[in-house]
PDB file of all heavy atoms in Angstrom:
ATOM      1  N   THR A   1     -50.399  63.670 108.554  1.00  0.00           N
ATOM      2  CA  THR A   1     -51.011  64.892 107.997  1.00  0.00           C
ATOM      3  C   THR A   1     -50.840  64.900 106.494  1.00  0.00           C
ATOM      4  O   THR A   1     -50.342  63.952 105.887  1.00  0.00           O
ATOM      5  CB  THR A   1     -50.337  66.142 108.601  1.00  0.00           C
ATOM      6  OG1 THR A   1     -48.963  66.168 108.197  1.00  0.00           O
ATOM      7  CG2 THR A   1     -50.432  66.134 110.119  1.00  0.00           C
ATOM      8  N   ILE A   2     -51.207  66.024 105.868  1.00  0.00           N
ATOM      9  CA  ILE A   2     -51.063  66.183 104.433  1.00  0.00           C
ATOM     10  C   ILE A   2     -49.610  65.981 103.985  1.00  0.00           C
ATOM     11  O   ILE A   2     -49.343  65.540 102.873  1.00  0.00           O
ATOM     12  CB  ILE A   2     -51.577  67.568 103.986  1.00  0.00           C
ATOM     13  CG1 ILE A   2     -51.564  67.693 102.454  1.00  0.00           C
ATOM     14  CG2 ILE A   2     -50.811  68.672 104.649  1.00  0.00           C
ATOM     15  CD1 ILE A   2     -52.182  68.993 101.938  1.00  0.00           C
ATOM     16  N   VAL A   3     -48.660  66.266 104.904  1.00  0.00           N
ATOM     17  CA  VAL A   3     -47.241  66.091 104.550  1.00  0.00           C
ATOM     18  C   VAL A   3     -46.940  64.615 104.298  1.00  0.00           C
ATOM     19  O   VAL A   3     -46.218  64.286 103.346  1.00  0.00           O
ATOM     20  CB  VAL A   3     -46.324  66.653 105.662  1.00  0.00           C
ATOM     21  CG1 VAL A   3     -44.861  66.475 105.277  1.00  0.00           C
ATOM     22  CG2 VAL A   3     -46.628  68.116 105.918  1.00  0.00           C
ATOM     23  N   SER A   4     -47.511  63.739 105.091  1.00  0.00           N
ATOM     24  CA  SER A   4     -47.309  62.301 104.877  1.00  0.00           C
ATOM     25  C   SER A   4     -47.913  61.853 103.559  1.00  0.00           C
ATOM     26  O   SER A   4     -47.302  61.059 102.819  1.00  0.00           O
ATOM     27  CB  SER A   4     -47.963  61.506 106.029  1.00  0.00           C
ATOM     28  OG  SER A   4     -47.429  61.861 107.274  1.00  0.00           O
ATOM     29  N   VAL A   5     -49.084  62.353 103.246  1.00  0.00           N
ATOM     30  CA  VAL A   5     -49.743  61.986 101.995  1.00  0.00           C
ATOM     31  C   VAL A   5     -48.951  62.518 100.813  1.00  0.00           C
ATOM     32  O   VAL A   5     -48.721  61.815  99.815  1.00  0.00           O
ATOM     33  CB  VAL A   5     -51.188  62.529 101.974  1.00  0.00           C
ATOM     34  CG1 VAL A   5     -51.874  62.161 100.656  1.00  0.00           C
ATOM     35  CG2 VAL A   5     -51.980  61.975 103.166  1.00  0.00           C
ATOM     36  N   LEU A   6     -48.479  63.750 100.925  1.00  0.00           N
ATOM     37  CA  LEU A   6     -47.681  64.348  99.844  1.00  0.00           C
ATOM     38  C   LEU A   6     -46.357  63.600  99.675  1.00  0.00           C
ATOM     39  O   LEU A   6     -45.920  63.379  98.528  1.00  0.00           O
ATOM     40  CB  LEU A   6     -47.422  65.823 100.169  1.00  0.00           C
ATOM     41  CG  LEU A   6     -46.588  66.622  99.189  1.00  0.00           C
ATOM     42  CD1 LEU A   6     -47.239  66.661  97.816  1.00  0.00           C
ATOM     43  CD2 LEU A   6     -46.360  68.048  99.708  1.00  0.00           C
ATOM     44  N   HIS A   7     -45.739  63.213 100.765  1.00  0.00           N
ATOM     45  CA  HIS A   7     -44.463  62.496 100.691  1.00  0.00           C
ATOM     46  C   HIS A   7     -44.614  61.183  99.944  1.00  0.00           C
ATOM     47  O   HIS A   7     -43.811  60.862  99.051  1.00  0.00           O
ATOM     48  CB  HIS A   7     -43.933  62.234 102.105  1.00  0.00           C
ATOM     49  CG  HIS A   7     -42.671  61.418 102.149  1.00  0.00           C
ATOM     50  ND1 HIS A   7     -42.676  60.021 102.095  1.00  0.00           N
ATOM     51  CD2 HIS A   7     -41.383  61.791 102.234  1.00  0.00           C
ATOM     52  CE1 HIS A   7     -41.443  59.588 102.129  1.00  0.00           C
ATOM     53  NE2 HIS A   7     -40.613  60.621 102.223  1.00  0.00           N
ATOM     54  N   ASP A   8     -45.659  60.406 100.250  1.00  0.00           N
ATOM     55  CA  ASP A   8     -45.844  59.140  99.582  1.00  0.00           C
ATOM     56  C   ASP A   8     -46.215  59.309  98.114  1.00  0.00           C
ATOM     57  O   ASP A   8     -45.791  58.531  97.244  1.00  0.00           O
ATOM     58  CB  ASP A   8     -46.927  58.317 100.290  1.00  0.00           C
ATOM     59  CG  ASP A   8     -46.451  57.695 101.589  1.00  0.00           C
ATOM     60  OD1 ASP A   8     -45.368  58.116 102.069  1.00  0.00           O
ATOM     61  OD2 ASP A   8     -47.105  56.783 102.112  1.00  0.00           O
ATOM     62  N   ALA A   9     -46.966  60.352  97.823  1.00  0.00           N
ATOM     63  CA  ALA A   9     -47.319  60.649  96.423  1.00  0.00           C
ATOM     64  C   ALA A   9     -46.057  60.985  95.628  1.00  0.00           C
ATOM     65  O   ALA A   9     -45.891  60.549  94.490  1.00  0.00           O
ATOM     66  CB  ALA A   9     -48.328  61.781  96.350  1.00  0.00           C
ATOM     67  N   ALA A  10     -45.186  61.783  96.233  1.00  0.00           N
ATOM     68  CA  ALA A  10     -43.932  62.148  95.559  1.00  0.00           C
ATOM     69  C   ALA A  10     -43.045  60.951  95.331  1.00  0.00           C
ATOM     70  O   ALA A  10     -42.451  60.795  94.253  1.00  0.00           O
ATOM     71  CB  ALA A  10     -43.205  63.223  96.387  1.00  0.00           C
ATOM     72  N   ALA A  11     -42.917  60.088  96.332  1.00  0.00           N
ATOM     73  CA  ALA A  11     -42.068  58.892  96.186  1.00  0.00           C
ATOM     74  C   ALA A  11     -42.580  57.988  95.082  1.00  0.00           C
ATOM     75  O   ALA A  11     -41.798  57.468  94.263  1.00  0.00           O
ATOM     76  CB  ALA A  11     -42.013  58.150  97.511  1.00  0.00           C
ATOM     77  N   ALA A  12     -43.879  57.777  95.020  1.00  0.00           N
ATOM     78  CA  ALA A  12     -44.456  56.940  93.985  1.00  0.00           C
ATOM     79  C   ALA A  12     -44.275  57.556  92.609  1.00  0.00           C
ATOM     80  O   ALA A  12     -43.999  56.848  91.628  1.00  0.00           O
ATOM     81  CB  ALA A  12     -45.942  56.712  94.260  1.00  0.00           C
ATOM     82  N   ALA A  13     -44.416  58.874  92.513  1.00  0.00           N
ATOM     83  CA  ALA A  13     -44.225  59.557  91.245  1.00  0.00           C
ATOM     84  C   ALA A  13     -42.787  59.400  90.754  1.00  0.00           C
ATOM     85  O   ALA A  13     -42.531  59.195  89.551  1.00  0.00           O
ATOM     86  CB  ALA A  13     -44.579  61.031  91.374  1.00  0.00           C
ATOM     87  N   GLU A  14     -41.829  59.479  91.671  1.00  0.00           N
ATOM     88  CA  GLU A  14     -40.425  59.312  91.300  1.00  0.00           C
ATOM     89  C   GLU A  14     -40.142  57.935  90.759  1.00  0.00           C
ATOM     90  O   GLU A  14     -39.432  57.746  89.759  1.00  0.00           O
ATOM     91  CB  GLU A  14     -39.533  59.606  92.507  1.00  0.00           C
ATOM     92  CG  GLU A  14     -39.458  61.076  92.871  1.00  0.00           C
ATOM     93  CD  GLU A  14     -38.698  61.333  94.151  1.00  0.00           C
ATOM     94  OE1 GLU A  14     -38.707  60.454  95.039  1.00  0.00           O
ATOM     95  OE2 GLU A  14     -38.105  62.414  94.301  1.00  0.00           O
ATOM     96  N   ASP A  15     -40.730  56.911  91.424  1.00  0.00           N
ATOM     97  CA  ASP A  15     -40.545  55.544  90.970  1.00  0.00           C
ATOM     98  C   ASP A  15     -41.128  55.340  89.574  1.00  0.00           C
ATOM     99  O   ASP A  15     -40.504  54.718  88.698  1.00  0.00           O
ATOM    100  CB  ASP A  15     -41.183  54.566  91.937  1.00  0.00           C
ATOM    101  CG  ASP A  15     -40.456  54.497  93.268  1.00  0.00           C
ATOM    102  OD1 ASP A  15     -39.284  54.928  93.313  1.00  0.00           O
ATOM    103  OD2 ASP A  15     -41.051  54.031  94.268  1.00  0.00           O
ATOM    104  N   ALA A  16     -42.346  55.888  89.346  1.00  0.00           N
ATOM    105  CA  ALA A  16     -42.963  55.735  88.043  1.00  0.00           C
ATOM    106  C   ALA A  16     -42.193  56.474  86.949  1.00  0.00           C
ATOM    107  O   ALA A  16     -42.038  55.955  85.837  1.00  0.00           O
ATOM    108  CB  ALA A  16     -44.414  56.257  88.108  1.00  0.00           C
ATOM    109  N   ALA A  17     -41.720  57.656  87.278  1.00  0.00           N
ATOM    110  CA  ALA A  17     -40.958  58.422  86.294  1.00  0.00           C
ATOM    111  C   ALA A  17     -39.631  57.722  85.945  1.00  0.00           C
ATOM    112  O   ALA A  17     -39.195  57.746  84.795  1.00  0.00           O
ATOM    113  CB  ALA A  17     -40.673  59.826  86.838  1.00  0.00           C
ATOM    114  N   ALA A  18     -39.049  57.083  86.954  1.00  0.00           N
ATOM    115  CA  ALA A  18     -37.789  56.349  86.706  1.00  0.00           C
ATOM    116  C   ALA A  18     -37.989  55.178  85.774  1.00  0.00           C
ATOM    117  O   ALA A  18     -37.069  54.766  85.070  1.00  0.00           O
ATOM    118  CB  ALA A  18     -37.223  55.877  88.031  1.00  0.00           C
ATOM    119  N   GLU A  19     -39.189  54.648  85.708  1.00  0.00           N
ATOM    120  CA  GLU A  19     -39.511  53.522  84.831  1.00  0.00           C
ATOM    121  C   GLU A  19     -40.020  54.013  83.472  1.00  0.00           C
ATOM    122  O   GLU A  19     -40.632  53.259  82.710  1.00  0.00           O
ATOM    123  CB  GLU A  19     -40.544  52.623  85.475  1.00  0.00           C
ATOM    124  CG  GLU A  19     -40.016  51.958  86.757  1.00  0.00           C
ATOM    125  CD  GLU A  19     -41.096  51.136  87.456  1.00  0.00           C
ATOM    126  OE1 GLU A  19     -42.226  51.075  86.930  1.00  0.00           O
ATOM    127  OE2 GLU A  19     -40.785  50.545  88.506  1.00  0.00           O
ATOM    128  N   GLN A  20     -39.816  55.299  83.187  1.00  0.00           N
ATOM    129  CA  GLN A  20     -40.191  55.886  81.896  1.00  0.00           C
ATOM    130  C   GLN A  20     -41.683  55.942  81.642  1.00  0.00           C
ATOM    131  O   GLN A  20     -42.138  55.940  80.493  1.00  0.00           O
ATOM    132  CB  GLN A  20     -39.495  55.131  80.735  1.00  0.00           C
ATOM    133  CG  GLN A  20     -37.987  54.992  80.871  1.00  0.00           C
ATOM    134  CD  GLN A  20     -37.291  56.368  80.919  1.00  0.00           C
ATOM    135  OE1 GLN A  20     -37.599  57.238  80.131  1.00  0.00           O
ATOM    136  NE2 GLN A  20     -36.380  56.539  81.882  1.00  0.00           N
ATOM    137  N   ALA A  21     -42.480  55.965  82.701  1.00  0.00           N
ATOM    138  CA  ALA A  21     -43.936  56.066  82.534  1.00  0.00           C
ATOM    139  C   ALA A  21     -44.284  57.460  82.016  1.00  0.00           C
ATOM    140  O   ALA A  21     -43.571  58.451  82.267  1.00  0.00           O
ATOM    141  CB  ALA A  21     -44.645  55.804  83.858  1.00  0.00           C
ATOM    142  N   ASP A  22     -45.395  57.550  81.257  1.00  0.00           N
ATOM    143  CA  ASP A  22     -45.805  58.864  80.780  1.00  0.00           C
ATOM    144  C   ASP A  22     -46.468  59.653  81.917  1.00  0.00           C
ATOM    145  O   ASP A  22     -46.705  59.121  83.007  1.00  0.00           O
ATOM    146  CB  ASP A  22     -46.730  58.758  79.575  1.00  0.00           C
ATOM    147  CG  ASP A  22     -48.027  58.013  79.879  1.00  0.00           C
ATOM    148  OD1 ASP A  22     -48.378  57.866  81.066  1.00  0.00           O
ATOM    149  OD2 ASP A  22     -48.712  57.601  78.936  1.00  0.00           O
ATOM    150  N   LEU A  23     -46.772  60.919  81.638  1.00  0.00           N
ATOM    151  CA  LEU A  23     -47.278  61.782  82.700  1.00  0.00           C
ATOM    152  C   LEU A  23     -48.568  61.251  83.313  1.00  0.00           C
ATOM    153  O   LEU A  23     -48.728  61.256  84.534  1.00  0.00           O
ATOM    154  CB  LEU A  23     -47.532  63.194  82.144  1.00  0.00           C
ATOM    155  CG  LEU A  23     -48.207  64.182  83.107  1.00  0.00           C
ATOM    156  CD1 LEU A  23     -47.331  64.431  84.329  1.00  0.00           C
ATOM    157  CD2 LEU A  23     -48.514  65.499  82.394  1.00  0.00           C
ATOM    158  N   ALA A  24     -49.507  60.784  82.490  1.00  0.00           N
ATOM    159  CA  ALA A  24     -50.791  60.295  83.006  1.00  0.00           C
ATOM    160  C   ALA A  24     -50.572  59.151  83.979  1.00  0.00           C
ATOM    161  O   ALA A  24     -51.223  59.057  85.034  1.00  0.00           O
ATOM    162  CB  ALA A  24     -51.688  59.853  81.866  1.00  0.00           C
ATOM    163  N   GLU A  25     -49.642  58.249  83.666  1.00  0.00           N
ATOM    164  CA  GLU A  25     -49.393  57.114  84.557  1.00  0.00           C
ATOM    165  C   GLU A  25     -48.646  57.554  85.809  1.00  0.00           C
ATOM    166  O   GLU A  25     -48.882  57.013  86.886  1.00  0.00           O
ATOM    167  CB  GLU A  25     -48.589  56.031  83.799  1.00  0.00           C
ATOM    168  CG  GLU A  25     -48.331  54.784  84.625  1.00  0.00           C
ATOM    169  CD  GLU A  25     -49.599  54.152  85.197  1.00  0.00           C
ATOM    170  OE1 GLU A  25     -50.659  54.199  84.513  1.00  0.00           O
ATOM    171  OE2 GLU A  25     -49.549  53.611  86.313  1.00  0.00           O
ATOM    172  N   VAL A  26     -47.738  58.525  85.660  1.00  0.00           N
ATOM    173  CA  VAL A  26     -47.051  59.039  86.844  1.00  0.00           C
ATOM    174  C   VAL A  26     -48.069  59.651  87.802  1.00  0.00           C
ATOM    175  O   VAL A  26     -48.017  59.419  89.040  1.00  0.00           O
ATOM    176  CB  VAL A  26     -46.001  60.089  86.444  1.00  0.00           C
ATOM    177  CG1 VAL A  26     -45.436  60.821  87.676  1.00  0.00           C
ATOM    178  CG2 VAL A  26     -44.856  59.438  85.668  1.00  0.00           C
ATOM    179  N   VAL A  27     -48.999  60.436  87.278  1.00  0.00           N
ATOM    180  CA  VAL A  27     -50.025  61.033  88.117  1.00  0.00           C
ATOM    181  C   VAL A  27     -50.926  59.973  88.723  1.00  0.00           C
ATOM    182  O   VAL A  27     -51.250  60.038  89.921  1.00  0.00           O
ATOM    183  CB  VAL A  27     -50.867  62.060  87.293  1.00  0.00           C
ATOM    184  CG1 VAL A  27     -52.059  62.553  88.114  1.00  0.00           C
ATOM    185  CG2 VAL A  27     -50.007  63.223  86.857  1.00  0.00           C
ATOM    186  N   ALA A  28     -51.309  58.998  87.944  1.00  0.00           N
ATOM    187  CA  ALA A  28     -52.171  57.917  88.450  1.00  0.00           C
ATOM    188  C   ALA A  28     -51.463  57.169  89.571  1.00  0.00           C
ATOM    189  O   ALA A  28     -52.093  56.819  90.584  1.00  0.00           O
ATOM    190  CB  ALA A  28     -52.561  56.978  87.316  1.00  0.00           C
ATOM    191  N   THR A  29     -50.188  56.863  89.370  1.00  0.00           N
ATOM    192  CA  THR A  29     -49.431  56.143  90.403  1.00  0.00           C
ATOM    193  C   THR A  29     -49.327  56.962  91.694  1.00  0.00           C
ATOM    194  O   THR A  29     -49.513  56.421  92.794  1.00  0.00           O
ATOM    195  CB  THR A  29     -48.034  55.799  89.873  1.00  0.00           C
ATOM    196  OG1 THR A  29     -48.134  55.010  88.685  1.00  0.00           O
ATOM    197  CG2 THR A  29     -47.224  55.046  90.915  1.00  0.00           C
ATOM    198  N   SER A  30     -49.025  58.236  91.553  1.00  0.00           N
ATOM    199  CA  SER A  30     -48.902  59.093  92.748  1.00  0.00           C
ATOM    200  C   SER A  30     -50.260  59.229  93.441  1.00  0.00           C
ATOM    201  O   SER A  30     -50.317  59.293  94.668  1.00  0.00           O
ATOM    202  CB  SER A  30     -48.351  60.452  92.372  1.00  0.00           C
ATOM    203  OG  SER A  30     -49.267  61.164  91.548  1.00  0.00           O
ATOM    204  N   THR A  31     -51.339  59.245  92.648  1.00  0.00           N
ATOM    205  CA  THR A  31     -52.674  59.364  93.239  1.00  0.00           C
ATOM    206  C   THR A  31     -53.023  58.114  94.039  1.00  0.00           C
ATOM    207  O   THR A  31     -53.604  58.200  95.148  1.00  0.00           O
ATOM    208  CB  THR A  31     -53.701  59.616  92.155  1.00  0.00           C
ATOM    209  OG1 THR A  31     -53.365  60.801  91.431  1.00  0.00           O
ATOM    210  CG2 THR A  31     -55.107  59.787  92.730  1.00  0.00           C
ATOM    211  N   ARG A  32     -52.696  56.943  93.504  1.00  0.00           N
ATOM    212  CA  ARG A  32     -52.955  55.711  94.250  1.00  0.00           C
ATOM    213  C   ARG A  32     -52.145  55.680  95.556  1.00  0.00           C
ATOM    214  O   ARG A  32     -52.661  55.274  96.598  1.00  0.00           O
ATOM    215  CB  ARG A  32     -52.597  54.485  93.390  1.00  0.00           C
ATOM    216  CG  ARG A  32     -53.577  54.261  92.231  1.00  0.00           C
ATOM    217  CD  ARG A  32     -53.344  52.892  91.590  1.00  0.00           C
ATOM    218  NE  ARG A  32     -52.060  52.806  90.921  1.00  0.00           N
ATOM    219  CZ  ARG A  32     -51.878  53.109  89.633  1.00  0.00           C
ATOM    220  NH1 ARG A  32     -52.913  53.521  88.891  1.00  0.00           N
ATOM    221  NH2 ARG A  32     -50.688  53.000  89.056  1.00  0.00           N
TER     222      ARG A  32
END
């Protein structure tokens, strides 16, 4: 469900943020 999609988006955003990515890249990564 949407919860699964949201969970994976959040996990990807956390990984990107941990690598010091800027906001646009964090959003792009979570969207992918």
